[in-house]
Structure formats: structure tokens, C-alpha cells
Amino acid sequence: MNAHSWQGVSVAELERASHTAVPALRTGFDGPFLMRAFLGGTGRANAVSAVDPLPDPGLPPRLDRIEAAYARLGLPVRFRSTPLDPPGLQEALLARGYHATEESRVMAGPLAAFAAADAALEVKPAPDDEWLSVLSTADHQTPERRAEKRQAAGMMMVPAAWMVLRGTDGQAAVSGQLSLDGRLAGFFDVATRPEFRRQGMARRLLAAAAAWAAGQGGATGWLQVSAANASACALYESLGLREIYRYRYYLPGPGDGLRHA
């Protein structure tokens, strides 16, 4: 496997899709770095990501400017480290006192391998209270993340859907969000209520969402998951998704043991 592509899906393509799927209120470039800021909640919408792995001779003063930009906004600066980093970025951040969070895996595979329509799937045009109530049972949910997700629907530039799958009692059991960027269907916010876990509900939602995406012209599914989440990784691998690359965040100061998705 090439370090920057897999079966025609490149790191650069997936990084662009990631930024499209998770909109931010403010964006700007400093050289090869894309700066994004929202309300300080979701990592991807409030982080700096390099988009060009070529050497950056102006890296030290560039990092100074980026840090100052986030300070002016009153937001903590986060660097999202991917294979598109310029050489020496991680070492430079560590020398400045940053710490690394645990890794996340970016996985992709053909929708046709696991797509299956399901009559219990409900597709919503935006995240409503019911959808958010399911997501709130997942880890790392904060008021800032919740507010960002409410605003995201009106900021999307590509087709998107917020989905729930209901249990036999009619209750929303599992949630998920899908962003369709050309052939790429990105899955986000897959969460299952505690009382419905270990019943295959997440698998059913992913299969139903994949069928919906395929009907809209999608061909390749992709997602991001904590490398430490063994059960989720096993589920996604069983659907035919394979790791393309990994990323992690670099944050100022000592580590807090948290993941910043």
C-alpha cells in the first residue's frame, strides 16, 4: 500500500473531504497550513492542518503567526498531524511544549461491500433533538460540540443527511451522519444508546446509510475512528473498510488523556 493512497483513494482527497464534511465558521491559510475555527468544540473544525507535505523553510515564524491568530480568537490552538505534514512539524511542536493525543485511523472501502437498505432507517435533513439525544450518549460530547452540530447543517456545501435507526419499540437507537462528496461518502457521529448496544444496531445503520449513499451516486465509504477503540475498528474492518492513514492532534501543554476527534 502506498503511504499516500489506497485503491485510488489518496490522503489528500480524504483530507479535503474531511474539511468539507465538518464545516468551520472561520477558515484561512498561512502557507501550506489551513486554519479553521468554530466554537472550540469539534477537533476538525477548530484545528490547523497542513495540506502540502513539501519542506516549509518558513515553519518557525509561521507557527508563531498561527498561535497568535488563535490567541486573538480566544481559542486554544490545535494542530492536526497527518501524512501531509511538512518535514519537522512534529519535532517543532514538541520543542514548543505541545503534547500528542492518541491516534485516529482513517478507513475507507467500497460501499457495495456492506450496503443494505433497512426500512427502520429515518433520514433527517438536519440534526434535531432526537438525533442529538442519541449522540449525547457517546463519549467526548460537550455543549460547544452540540452547538456546532446544530449549525453545521446550514453550512454544508455538499449533500448531507442525519440518520437514526429505530428499535422494535420505535425509539431512536443509533445515530449517524453522512456527508456525500462526489463518490466519497463520509460517516460521522455513529452512536448507539447504551440499552441497544451489542445488538448489531450500528452495523445496520452503517449498511442502511451506505445503501442511501449509493443511491445518491456514492461509491466509496470512509470514516475516522480512534485507534484505541478496538470494537469499532473490528466492526469497520468486517465491513471491508481498510486503514488509509492515521492522524493525531498536538495540543499545548501537558497531556490530558483525552481524544480530540
Protein backbone atom coordinates (compact mmCIF):
# COMPACT_ATOMS: atom_id res chain seq x y z
CA MET A 1 0.00 0.00 0.00
CA ASN A 2 1.33 3.42 -0.96
CA ALA A 3 1.71 5.72 2.04
CA HIS A 4 -0.46 8.35 0.36
CA SER A 5 -3.13 6.31 -1.47
CA TRP A 6 -5.08 3.04 -1.50
CA GLN A 7 -7.10 1.72 -4.42
CA GLY A 8 -7.37 5.21 -5.87
CA VAL A 9 -8.26 6.96 -2.61
CA SER A 10 -5.49 9.36 -1.63
CA VAL A 11 -4.69 11.01 1.69
CA ALA A 12 -5.08 14.43 0.09
CA GLU A 13 -8.51 13.51 -1.28
CA LEU A 14 -9.72 12.25 2.09
CA GLU A 15 -8.30 15.27 3.91
CA ARG A 16 -10.20 17.59 1.58
CA ALA A 17 -13.37 15.56 2.13
CA SER A 18 -12.80 15.77 5.89
CA HIS A 19 -12.68 19.56 5.81
CA THR A 20 -15.77 19.69 3.58
CA ALA A 21 -17.74 17.31 5.78
CA VAL A 22 -17.04 19.21 9.01
CA PRO A 23 -17.55 22.91 8.24
CA ALA A 24 -15.98 25.72 10.25
CA LEU A 25 -17.13 29.27 10.82
CA ARG A 26 -13.71 30.77 10.06
CA THR A 27 -11.03 29.49 7.68
CA GLY A 28 -7.75 30.87 6.43
CA PHE A 29 -4.35 29.82 5.10
CA ASP A 30 -0.86 30.57 6.27
CA GLY A 31 1.36 28.98 3.63
CA PRO A 32 0.56 25.25 3.46
CA PHE A 33 -1.48 25.32 6.68
CA LEU A 34 -5.26 25.52 6.69
CA MET A 35 -6.52 27.23 9.84
CA ARG A 36 -10.09 26.54 10.93
CA ALA A 37 -12.09 27.84 13.89
CA PHE A 38 -15.66 27.42 15.10
CA LEU A 39 -16.83 27.40 18.73
CA GLY A 40 -13.95 25.37 20.15
CA GLY A 41 -15.81 22.05 20.12
CA THR A 42 -15.14 19.50 17.35
CA GLY A 43 -11.43 18.97 16.75
CA ARG A 44 -11.51 19.06 12.96
CA ALA A 45 -13.45 22.35 12.89
CA ASN A 46 -11.06 24.02 15.34
CA ALA A 47 -7.63 22.90 14.20
CA VAL A 48 -4.72 23.62 11.90
CA SER A 49 -3.93 21.06 9.19
CA ALA A 50 -1.13 21.03 6.63
CA VAL A 51 -2.22 20.37 3.05
CA ASP A 52 1.22 20.07 1.42
CA PRO A 53 3.99 17.71 2.64
CA LEU A 54 6.81 19.65 0.94
CA PRO A 55 9.52 21.22 3.14
CA ASP A 56 8.49 24.55 4.66
CA PRO A 57 11.52 26.80 5.18
CA GLY A 58 9.35 29.39 6.93
CA LEU A 59 7.96 27.00 9.54
CA PRO A 60 9.11 28.64 12.84
CA PRO A 61 7.69 32.14 12.19
CA ARG A 62 4.62 30.54 10.61
CA LEU A 63 3.89 28.67 13.83
CA ASP A 64 4.25 31.95 15.74
CA ARG A 65 1.65 33.59 13.50
CA ILE A 66 -0.75 30.66 13.74
CA GLU A 67 -0.55 30.63 17.54
CA ALA A 68 -1.20 34.38 17.60
CA ALA A 69 -4.22 34.00 15.31
CA TYR A 70 -5.94 31.55 17.67
CA ALA A 71 -5.00 33.67 20.69
CA ARG A 72 -6.81 36.62 19.09
CA LEU A 73 -9.91 34.43 18.74
CA GLY A 74 -9.65 33.28 22.36
CA LEU A 75 -9.40 29.65 21.26
CA PRO A 76 -6.76 27.02 22.07
CA VAL A 77 -4.57 26.15 19.10
CA ARG A 78 -4.67 22.54 17.89
CA PHE A 79 -2.51 21.06 15.16
CA ARG A 80 -3.94 18.05 13.34
CA SER A 81 -0.95 15.99 12.25
CA THR A 82 -1.34 13.84 9.11
CA PRO A 83 0.93 12.39 6.39
CA LEU A 84 0.60 15.80 4.68
CA ASP A 85 2.71 17.49 7.40
CA PRO A 86 5.83 19.29 6.19
CA PRO A 87 9.05 17.66 7.48
CA GLY A 88 9.91 18.60 11.05
CA LEU A 89 6.45 19.77 12.13
CA GLN A 90 6.00 17.24 14.94
CA GLU A 91 9.51 17.89 16.30
CA ALA A 92 8.90 21.65 16.18
CA LEU A 93 5.64 21.31 18.10
CA LEU A 94 7.18 19.08 20.75
CA ALA A 95 10.02 21.59 21.18
CA ARG A 96 7.39 24.28 21.82
CA GLY A 97 5.85 22.25 24.63
CA TYR A 98 2.97 20.61 22.77
CA HIS A 99 1.85 17.06 23.52
CA ALA A 100 0.35 14.45 21.19
CA THR A 101 -3.07 12.87 21.66
CA GLU A 102 -3.77 9.25 20.78
CA GLU A 103 -4.02 8.34 17.11
CA SER A 104 -7.14 8.03 14.98
CA ARG A 105 -7.43 5.81 11.93
CA VAL A 106 -8.90 6.97 8.61
CA MET A 107 -10.51 3.97 6.92
CA ALA A 108 -12.17 3.53 3.53
CA GLY A 109 -13.72 0.86 1.35
CA PRO A 110 -16.41 0.19 -1.27
CA LEU A 111 -19.99 0.91 -0.24
CA ALA A 112 -21.16 -2.08 -2.27
CA ALA A 113 -19.40 -4.40 0.17
CA PHE A 114 -21.82 -3.63 3.01
CA ALA A 115 -24.76 -1.56 1.70
CA ALA A 116 -28.19 -2.94 2.64
CA ALA A 117 -31.44 -0.97 2.73
CA ASP A 118 -33.34 -1.00 6.04
CA ALA A 119 -36.94 0.15 6.49
CA ALA A 120 -36.15 1.21 10.06
CA LEU A 121 -33.79 3.95 8.86
CA GLU A 122 -35.03 7.52 9.12
CA VAL A 123 -33.18 10.22 7.15
CA LYS A 124 -33.34 13.74 8.55
CA PRO A 125 -32.34 16.97 6.77
CA ALA A 126 -30.67 18.37 9.91
CA PRO A 127 -29.73 17.27 13.43
CA ASP A 128 -32.84 17.56 15.61
CA ASP A 129 -33.31 16.97 19.35
CA GLU A 130 -33.94 13.26 18.87
CA TRP A 131 -30.75 12.78 16.83
CA LEU A 132 -28.72 14.81 19.32
CA SER A 133 -30.16 12.83 22.23
CA VAL A 134 -28.68 9.63 20.81
CA LEU A 135 -25.34 11.28 20.09
CA SER A 136 -25.20 12.68 23.63
CA THR A 137 -24.75 9.12 24.94
CA ALA A 138 -21.35 8.90 23.18
CA ASP A 139 -18.02 9.99 24.65
CA HIS A 140 -16.47 13.46 24.37
CA GLN A 141 -19.71 15.38 23.84
CA THR A 142 -19.69 19.00 25.06
CA PRO A 143 -22.07 21.97 24.77
CA GLU A 144 -19.73 23.51 22.19
CA ARG A 145 -19.81 20.37 20.03
CA ARG A 146 -23.59 20.23 20.29
CA ALA A 147 -23.92 23.86 19.20
CA GLU A 148 -21.54 23.30 16.28
CA LYS A 149 -23.52 20.30 15.07
CA ARG A 150 -26.78 22.28 15.16
CA GLN A 151 -25.24 24.98 12.97
CA ALA A 152 -23.44 22.58 10.61
CA ALA A 153 -26.50 21.65 8.52
CA GLY A 154 -26.92 25.21 7.28
CA MET A 155 -23.21 25.47 6.45
CA MET A 156 -22.81 22.32 4.36
CA MET A 157 -21.76 22.76 0.72
CA VAL A 158 -22.33 19.09 -0.19
CA PRO A 159 -25.34 16.78 0.32
CA ALA A 160 -25.61 15.53 3.88
CA ALA A 161 -28.06 13.56 5.99
CA TRP A 162 -28.57 12.91 9.70
CA MET A 163 -29.87 9.41 10.31
CA VAL A 164 -31.41 7.35 13.07
CA LEU A 165 -32.29 3.69 13.19
CA ARG A 166 -35.17 2.72 15.45
CA GLY A 167 -35.51 -0.28 17.69
CA THR A 168 -38.59 -2.52 17.76
CA ASP A 169 -40.14 -0.19 20.34
CA GLY A 170 -39.85 2.76 17.95
CA GLN A 171 -37.19 4.52 19.98
CA ALA A 172 -34.21 6.01 18.15
CA ALA A 173 -31.50 3.50 18.98
CA VAL A 174 -28.49 4.60 16.92
CA SER A 175 -27.48 7.81 15.16
CA GLY A 176 -25.14 8.67 12.33
CA GLN A 177 -24.37 11.48 9.94
CA LEU A 178 -23.38 11.10 6.30
CA SER A 179 -21.66 13.61 4.02
CA LEU A 180 -21.63 12.87 0.28
CA ASP A 181 -18.69 14.48 -1.52
CA GLY A 182 -18.84 13.16 -5.07
CA ARG A 183 -18.03 9.45 -4.92
CA LEU A 184 -16.91 9.73 -1.27
CA ALA A 185 -19.46 9.03 1.47
CA GLY A 186 -18.17 10.07 4.88
CA PHE A 187 -19.70 8.55 8.02
CA PHE A 188 -19.67 10.55 11.26
CA ASP A 189 -21.22 10.56 14.74
CA VAL A 190 -22.17 6.88 14.85
CA ALA A 191 -23.52 6.40 18.38
CA THR A 192 -25.72 3.77 19.99
CA ARG A 193 -27.81 4.22 23.12
CA PRO A 194 -26.45 2.03 25.94
CA GLU A 195 -29.56 -0.16 26.12
CA PHE A 196 -29.22 -1.05 22.42
CA ARG A 197 -25.51 -1.80 22.31
CA ARG A 198 -24.14 -5.22 21.28
CA GLN A 199 -27.25 -5.90 19.19
CA GLY A 200 -25.80 -5.09 15.77
CA MET A 201 -27.61 -1.77 15.52
CA ALA A 202 -24.55 0.25 14.46
CA ARG A 203 -23.81 -2.28 11.70
CA ARG A 204 -27.39 -1.99 10.47
CA LEU A 205 -27.26 1.81 10.42
CA LEU A 206 -23.97 1.83 8.52
CA ALA A 207 -25.36 -0.65 5.98
CA ALA A 208 -28.55 1.35 5.52
CA ALA A 209 -26.66 4.65 5.28
CA ALA A 210 -24.33 3.07 2.70
CA ALA A 211 -27.34 1.99 0.62
CA TRP A 212 -28.73 5.54 0.79
CA ALA A 213 -25.36 7.00 -0.25
CA ALA A 214 -25.01 4.52 -3.13
CA GLY A 215 -28.42 5.62 -4.35
CA GLN A 216 -27.12 9.19 -4.41
CA GLY A 217 -24.08 8.26 -6.53
CA GLY A 218 -21.58 7.42 -3.77
CA ALA A 219 -19.12 4.58 -4.30
CA THR A 220 -16.51 4.72 -1.52
CA GLY A 221 -17.27 4.91 2.18
CA TRP A 222 -14.82 6.39 4.64
CA LEU A 223 -14.68 7.31 8.31
CA GLN A 224 -12.37 8.23 11.17
CA VAL A 225 -12.14 6.24 14.39
CA SER A 226 -9.94 6.19 17.47
CA ALA A 227 -7.20 3.61 17.05
CA ALA A 228 -7.82 2.61 20.67
CA ASN A 229 -11.48 1.73 20.02
CA ALA A 230 -10.91 -1.95 19.27
CA SER A 231 -14.59 -2.90 18.95
CA ALA A 232 -15.37 -0.10 16.48
CA CYS A 233 -12.23 -0.85 14.45
CA ALA A 234 -13.20 -4.53 14.27
CA LEU A 235 -16.70 -3.60 13.09
CA TYR A 236 -15.42 -1.33 10.34
CA GLU A 237 -12.86 -3.89 9.19
CA SER A 238 -15.62 -6.50 8.98
CA LEU A 239 -17.47 -4.16 6.59
CA GLY A 240 -14.48 -4.11 4.26
CA LEU A 241 -13.03 -0.76 5.33
CA ARG A 242 -9.23 -0.60 5.46
CA GLU A 243 -6.87 1.87 7.07
CA ILE A 244 -5.54 4.51 4.68
CA TYR A 245 -3.59 6.61 7.19
CA ARG A 246 -3.59 7.90 10.76
CA TYR A 247 -3.70 11.33 12.33
CA ARG A 248 -3.36 12.81 15.79
CA TYR A 249 -3.61 16.20 17.44
CA TYR A 250 -0.84 18.22 19.03
CA LEU A 251 -2.05 20.48 21.85
CA PRO A 252 -0.19 22.99 24.02
CA GLY A 253 0.91 21.95 27.50
CA PRO A 254 0.85 18.60 29.32
CA GLY A 255 -1.40 15.79 28.13
CA ASP A 256 -4.95 15.42 29.41
CA GLY A 257 -5.51 11.83 28.27
CA LEU A 258 -8.42 12.84 26.04
CA ARG A 259 -9.06 12.19 22.39
CA HIS A 260 -9.90 15.19 20.19
CA ALA A 261 -11.77 13.82 17.17
